Protein backbone atom coordinates (compact mmCIF):
# COMPACT_ATOMS: atom_id res chain seq x y z
CA UNK A 1 46.61 21.60 -37.83
CA UNK A 2 46.53 18.12 -37.01
CA UNK A 3 46.84 18.49 -33.47
CA UNK A 4 43.60 20.97 -33.20
CA UNK A 5 41.73 18.57 -35.28
CA UNK A 6 42.59 15.59 -33.04
CA UNK A 7 42.32 18.16 -30.08
CA UNK A 8 38.76 18.64 -31.40
CA UNK A 9 37.23 14.68 -31.96
CA UNK A 10 38.89 14.07 -28.44
CA UNK A 11 36.48 16.92 -27.02
CA UNK A 12 33.48 15.68 -29.14
CA UNK A 13 33.80 12.09 -27.76
CA UNK A 14 34.26 13.17 -24.18
CA UNK A 15 30.92 15.21 -25.07
CA UNK A 16 28.80 12.14 -25.53
CA UNK A 17 30.56 10.16 -23.15
CA UNK A 18 29.26 13.07 -20.84
CA UNK A 19 25.79 12.57 -22.14
CA UNK A 20 25.33 9.19 -23.35
CA UNK A 21 25.13 6.55 -20.38
CA UNK A 22 27.09 3.36 -20.26
CA UNK A 23 24.31 0.53 -20.90
CA UNK A 24 25.60 -0.41 -17.41
CA UNK A 25 23.99 2.99 -16.38
CA UNK A 26 20.88 3.26 -18.98
CA UNK A 27 20.66 -0.33 -16.83
CA UNK A 28 20.65 0.90 -13.37
CA UNK A 29 18.62 4.00 -14.30
CA UNK A 30 15.87 1.68 -15.96
CA UNK A 31 15.94 -0.13 -12.59
CA UNK A 32 15.63 2.75 -9.85
CA UNK A 33 12.55 4.07 -12.38
CA UNK A 34 10.73 1.01 -11.58
CA UNK A 35 11.41 0.91 -8.51
CA UNK A 36 9.79 4.15 -8.27
CA UNK A 37 6.71 3.10 -10.43
CA UNK A 38 6.80 0.28 -8.20
CA UNK A 39 6.89 2.19 -4.45
CA UNK A 40 4.19 4.46 -6.20
CA UNK A 41 1.86 1.83 -7.12
CA UNK A 42 -1.50 1.74 -5.59
CA UNK A 43 -1.90 -1.90 -4.19
CA UNK A 44 -5.22 -3.34 -6.15
CA UNK A 45 -8.39 -3.89 -3.78
CA UNK A 46 -10.22 -7.44 -3.60
CA UNK A 47 -13.34 -7.62 -2.37
CA UNK A 48 -15.27 -10.51 -1.27
CA UNK A 49 -19.44 -10.20 -0.81
CA UNK A 50 -21.09 -13.22 1.93
CA UNK A 51 -23.95 -14.80 2.56
CA UNK A 52 -26.93 -13.79 1.09
CA UNK A 53 -25.73 -11.06 -1.34
CA UNK A 54 -23.21 -10.67 -4.27
CA UNK A 55 -20.54 -8.42 -5.51
CA UNK A 56 -22.76 -5.35 -6.69
CA UNK A 57 -22.93 -4.91 -2.70
CA UNK A 58 -19.87 -3.32 -2.83
CA UNK A 59 -21.06 -0.80 -5.61
CA UNK A 60 -20.86 2.15 -3.90
CA UNK A 61 -17.43 1.07 -2.03
CA UNK A 62 -16.23 0.82 -5.79
CA UNK A 63 -16.97 3.90 -6.89
CA UNK A 64 -14.84 5.69 -3.88
CA UNK A 65 -12.42 3.69 -4.31
CA UNK A 66 -11.91 3.46 -8.24
CA UNK A 67 -12.63 7.84 -7.64
CA UNK A 68 -9.11 7.67 -5.38
CA UNK A 69 -7.21 5.56 -8.48
CA UNK A 70 -7.66 2.05 -6.77
CA UNK A 71 -8.02 -0.73 -8.84
CA UNK A 72 -10.28 -3.19 -8.05
CA UNK A 73 -11.51 -6.29 -8.07
CA UNK A 74 -15.12 -7.63 -6.45
CA UNK A 75 -15.13 -11.62 -6.10
CA UNK A 76 -18.00 -13.48 -7.19
CA UNK A 77 -17.65 -16.16 -4.44
CA UNK A 78 -19.27 -19.13 -5.03
CA UNK A 79 -20.91 -19.69 -0.98
CA UNK A 80 -20.51 -23.97 -1.65
CA UNK A 81 -17.72 -24.52 0.46
CA UNK A 82 -15.11 -22.89 2.90
CA UNK A 83 -12.65 -24.95 0.96
CA UNK A 84 -13.65 -24.36 -1.93
CA UNK A 85 -14.97 -20.96 -1.86
CA UNK A 86 -11.33 -20.17 -0.25
CA UNK A 87 -9.37 -22.23 -3.02
CA UNK A 88 -11.36 -20.21 -5.96
CA UNK A 89 -10.07 -16.40 -3.90
CA UNK A 90 -7.20 -17.75 -3.92
CA UNK A 91 -6.73 -18.47 -7.82
CA UNK A 92 -8.05 -15.13 -8.48
CA UNK A 93 -5.83 -13.41 -6.38
CA UNK A 94 -2.79 -15.45 -7.76
CA UNK A 95 -3.57 -13.57 -11.29
CA UNK A 96 -3.70 -10.10 -9.56
CA UNK A 97 0.18 -8.44 -10.02
CA UNK A 98 1.87 -6.02 -7.30
CA UNK A 99 0.09 -5.67 -3.75
CA UNK A 100 -3.17 -6.73 -2.61
CA UNK A 101 -5.54 -5.24 0.20
CA UNK A 102 -8.60 -7.38 0.90
CA UNK A 103 -11.44 -7.00 2.35
CA UNK A 104 -14.54 -9.60 3.23
CA UNK A 105 -17.97 -8.57 4.72
CA UNK A 106 -19.50 -11.39 6.67
CA UNK A 107 -19.23 -15.06 4.94
CA UNK A 108 -16.24 -13.38 3.76
CA UNK A 109 -14.28 -12.61 6.34
CA UNK A 110 -14.09 -16.40 6.45
CA UNK A 111 -12.66 -17.13 3.16
CA UNK A 112 -10.23 -14.59 2.85
CA UNK A 113 -8.95 -15.45 6.12
CA UNK A 114 -8.37 -19.02 4.23
CA UNK A 115 -7.25 -17.90 0.88
CA UNK A 116 -4.55 -15.33 2.29
CA UNK A 117 -2.47 -17.30 3.71
CA UNK A 118 0.72 -18.11 2.51
CA UNK A 119 0.67 -15.11 0.11
CA UNK A 120 3.50 -12.53 0.23
CA UNK A 121 0.66 -9.54 -2.04
CA UNK A 122 -1.73 -9.68 0.67
CA UNK A 123 -1.11 -6.59 2.99
CA UNK A 124 -3.66 -5.87 4.84
CA UNK A 125 -7.08 -8.25 5.43
CA UNK A 126 -9.96 -5.51 6.20
CA UNK A 127 -13.08 -7.39 7.82
CA UNK A 128 -16.68 -5.56 7.44
CA UNK A 129 -19.11 -6.78 9.45
CA UNK A 130 -17.06 -9.80 9.19
CA UNK A 131 -16.20 -13.43 10.68
CA UNK A 132 -12.42 -13.82 11.41
CA UNK A 133 -12.32 -17.24 12.74
CA UNK A 134 -9.62 -19.31 14.37
CA UNK A 135 -8.53 -22.39 13.33
CA UNK A 136 -11.27 -24.74 13.84
CA UNK A 137 -14.11 -22.12 14.30
CA UNK A 138 -17.21 -22.45 12.18
CA UNK A 139 -19.00 -18.96 10.76
CA UNK A 140 -22.49 -20.79 12.61
CA UNK A 141 -20.54 -21.11 15.43
CA UNK A 142 -19.01 -17.79 15.90
CA UNK A 143 -22.39 -15.98 14.84
CA UNK A 144 -23.73 -17.69 17.81
CA UNK A 145 -21.11 -17.13 20.36
CA UNK A 146 -22.43 -14.07 21.40
CA UNK A 147 -26.42 -13.74 22.25
CA UNK A 148 -28.44 -11.15 19.61
CA UNK A 149 -28.46 -13.17 16.14
CA UNK A 150 -31.86 -13.97 15.14
CA UNK A 151 -31.21 -14.86 11.62
CA UNK A 152 -31.68 -18.24 11.97
CA UNK A 153 -35.71 -17.37 12.37
CA UNK A 154 -35.53 -15.68 8.95
CA UNK A 155 -33.90 -18.51 6.95
CA UNK A 156 -35.75 -20.85 4.30
CA UNK A 157 -33.89 -24.48 3.00
CA UNK A 158 -33.75 -25.56 -0.40
CA UNK A 159 -32.73 -29.23 -0.64
CA UNK A 160 -30.51 -29.65 -3.53
CA UNK A 161 -30.27 -33.44 -3.11
CA UNK A 162 -26.75 -34.11 -1.89
CA UNK A 163 -27.77 -34.48 1.75
CA UNK A 164 -27.13 -30.51 1.93
CA UNK A 165 -29.20 -27.50 1.54
CA UNK A 166 -28.85 -23.86 -0.02
CA UNK A 167 -30.20 -21.55 2.67
CA UNK A 168 -31.22 -18.09 1.59
CA UNK A 169 -33.49 -15.19 3.85
CA UNK A 170 -37.17 -14.73 3.76
CA UNK A 171 -37.85 -11.74 1.15
CA UNK A 172 -40.16 -10.21 3.01
CA UNK A 173 -37.73 -10.55 6.64
CA UNK A 174 -34.79 -9.68 4.13
CA UNK A 175 -35.03 -5.82 5.29
CA UNK A 176 -35.74 -6.14 8.69
CA UNK A 177 -32.84 -8.73 9.31
CA UNK A 178 -29.98 -7.51 6.87
CA UNK A 179 -30.49 -4.68 5.50
CA UNK A 180 -32.66 -2.47 8.25
CA UNK A 181 -30.48 1.51 7.45
CA UNK A 182 -30.86 0.57 3.76
CA UNK A 183 -33.73 2.36 1.73
CA UNK A 184 -36.69 -0.40 1.87
CA UNK A 185 -36.58 -0.31 -1.77
CA UNK A 186 -32.77 -1.37 -2.26
CA UNK A 187 -32.95 -3.79 0.04
CA UNK A 188 -36.20 -5.04 -1.92
CA UNK A 189 -34.16 -5.61 -4.85
CA UNK A 190 -31.59 -7.29 -2.73
CA UNK A 191 -33.43 -9.90 -1.06
CA UNK A 192 -34.83 -10.45 -4.63
CA UNK A 193 -30.88 -11.08 -5.93
CA UNK A 194 -29.13 -12.21 -2.75
CA UNK A 195 -26.72 -15.32 -3.46
CA UNK A 196 -27.76 -18.32 -1.43
CA UNK A 197 -25.57 -20.22 0.78
CA UNK A 198 -24.51 -24.01 1.18
CA UNK A 199 -25.48 -24.57 4.57
CA UNK A 200 -22.05 -26.93 4.58
CA UNK A 201 -19.82 -23.21 4.42
CA UNK A 202 -21.60 -22.38 7.35
CA UNK A 203 -20.94 -25.28 9.32
CA UNK A 204 -17.32 -26.06 8.16
CA UNK A 205 -13.87 -25.32 9.76
CA UNK A 206 -11.90 -22.99 9.53
CA UNK A 207 -8.32 -23.79 8.66
CA UNK A 208 -5.01 -21.66 9.97
CA UNK A 209 -6.09 -18.14 9.60
CA UNK A 210 -3.75 -15.16 7.57
CA UNK A 211 -5.12 -12.55 10.46
CA UNK A 212 -2.10 -14.19 12.62
CA UNK A 213 0.71 -13.00 10.10
CA UNK A 214 -1.20 -10.02 7.93
CA UNK A 215 -2.51 -6.86 9.48
CA UNK A 216 -6.15 -6.56 10.20
CA UNK A 217 -8.64 -3.65 10.53
CA UNK A 218 -12.24 -3.83 11.08
CA UNK A 219 -15.63 -2.05 10.83
CA UNK A 220 -17.80 -3.25 12.86
CA UNK A 221 -21.88 -2.90 12.86
CA UNK A 222 -23.83 -1.82 15.64
CA UNK A 223 -26.97 -3.18 15.22
CA UNK A 224 -26.05 -6.25 13.17
CA UNK A 225 -28.81 -8.69 13.54
CA UNK A 226 -26.69 -11.20 11.51
CA UNK A 227 -23.16 -11.34 13.80
CA UNK A 228 -24.15 -9.50 16.81
CA UNK A 229 -21.64 -6.88 17.35
CA UNK A 230 -20.29 -8.35 20.95
CA UNK A 231 -18.46 -11.26 18.37
CA UNK A 232 -17.65 -8.39 16.21
CA UNK A 233 -15.30 -6.32 19.12
CA UNK A 234 -14.22 -10.09 20.27
CA UNK A 235 -13.24 -11.18 17.10
CA UNK A 236 -11.04 -7.57 16.45
CA UNK A 237 -9.78 -7.99 19.77
CA UNK A 238 -8.75 -10.88 19.42
CA UNK A 239 -6.58 -10.44 15.94
CA UNK A 240 -5.15 -7.31 17.46
CA UNK A 241 -6.40 -5.43 14.67
CA UNK A 242 -4.84 -1.99 13.51
CA UNK A 243 -7.84 -0.27 13.46
CA UNK A 244 -11.70 -0.67 14.96
CA UNK A 245 -14.31 1.97 13.24
CA UNK A 246 -17.96 0.77 14.84
CA UNK A 247 -21.03 2.35 13.18
CA UNK A 248 -23.32 2.39 15.61
CA UNK A 249 -26.79 2.44 13.77
CA UNK A 250 -25.26 -0.51 11.15
CA UNK A 251 -26.93 -3.22 10.11
CA UNK A 252 -25.33 -6.06 8.53
CA UNK A 253 -25.68 -4.75 5.11
CA UNK A 254 -23.30 -1.75 6.25
CA UNK A 255 -20.93 -1.67 3.44
CA UNK A 256 -24.55 -0.68 1.13
CA UNK A 257 -25.30 2.12 4.11
CA UNK A 258 -22.14 2.96 5.02
CA UNK A 259 -19.32 3.24 1.89
CA UNK A 260 -17.52 6.29 2.75
CA UNK A 261 -16.74 4.89 6.01
CA UNK A 262 -15.94 1.58 4.57
CA UNK A 263 -13.81 2.85 1.89
CA UNK A 264 -11.62 5.47 3.93
CA UNK A 265 -11.20 2.41 6.16
CA UNK A 266 -9.40 0.58 2.91
CA UNK A 267 -7.87 3.61 2.02
CA UNK A 268 -5.90 3.55 5.20
CA UNK A 269 -4.99 -0.35 5.49
CA UNK A 270 -3.54 0.35 1.92
CA UNK A 271 -1.21 2.56 3.40
């Protein structure tokens, strides 16, 4: 009887050992699960608006990305100086865990090119009718590199007392200059709520750009009156862009007028 009881106890212990993993095994299983969850996690999309706009200009893109399950942050770009704006964006990026896809519109491309440098979490850069500068180039220089920009004739300046000026697009010229393919009532609202950019932000020369090390993607606007399409294509070619999507009839405000196209390229970059 004693022998039978001993064998019964041993059988029970062996059965438990087969079911319950050891401490090392449990830790290994947990690590595998964490790795699987990390691998399936969608990157956070960070959107950077440019001059004469605000973060709401991304609303249509944000809605589409959120429907696809992407976490999204639309940053309030200060528009004060390239160095200062890039430093602010750099601090925002530092608060985000996991992979990031960074998308910038217009002057926002200047800012993201500088802010993403050296950040291993940024996996792709998307330029949306945006500047992709090389070291030493300014937004003003790039916008005038090829003929076609009519922005200068539409601007009004506000002297802010420190030797610099804030620039805005005159409201009655905003629709045709900035957002000709957007419904007029929406462009009129955008004109009234536009964020001014300090002139020093547009003339400051860029530092080393992140697009040398991070894959880039471009959406170019065929009827852009701020950044001529020739300049956009030239910058995309120089950056060896993974993909270039051209929307022939699009204005500079392409994220508003073509949110599906912009969101689709961001999703492509995220993969």
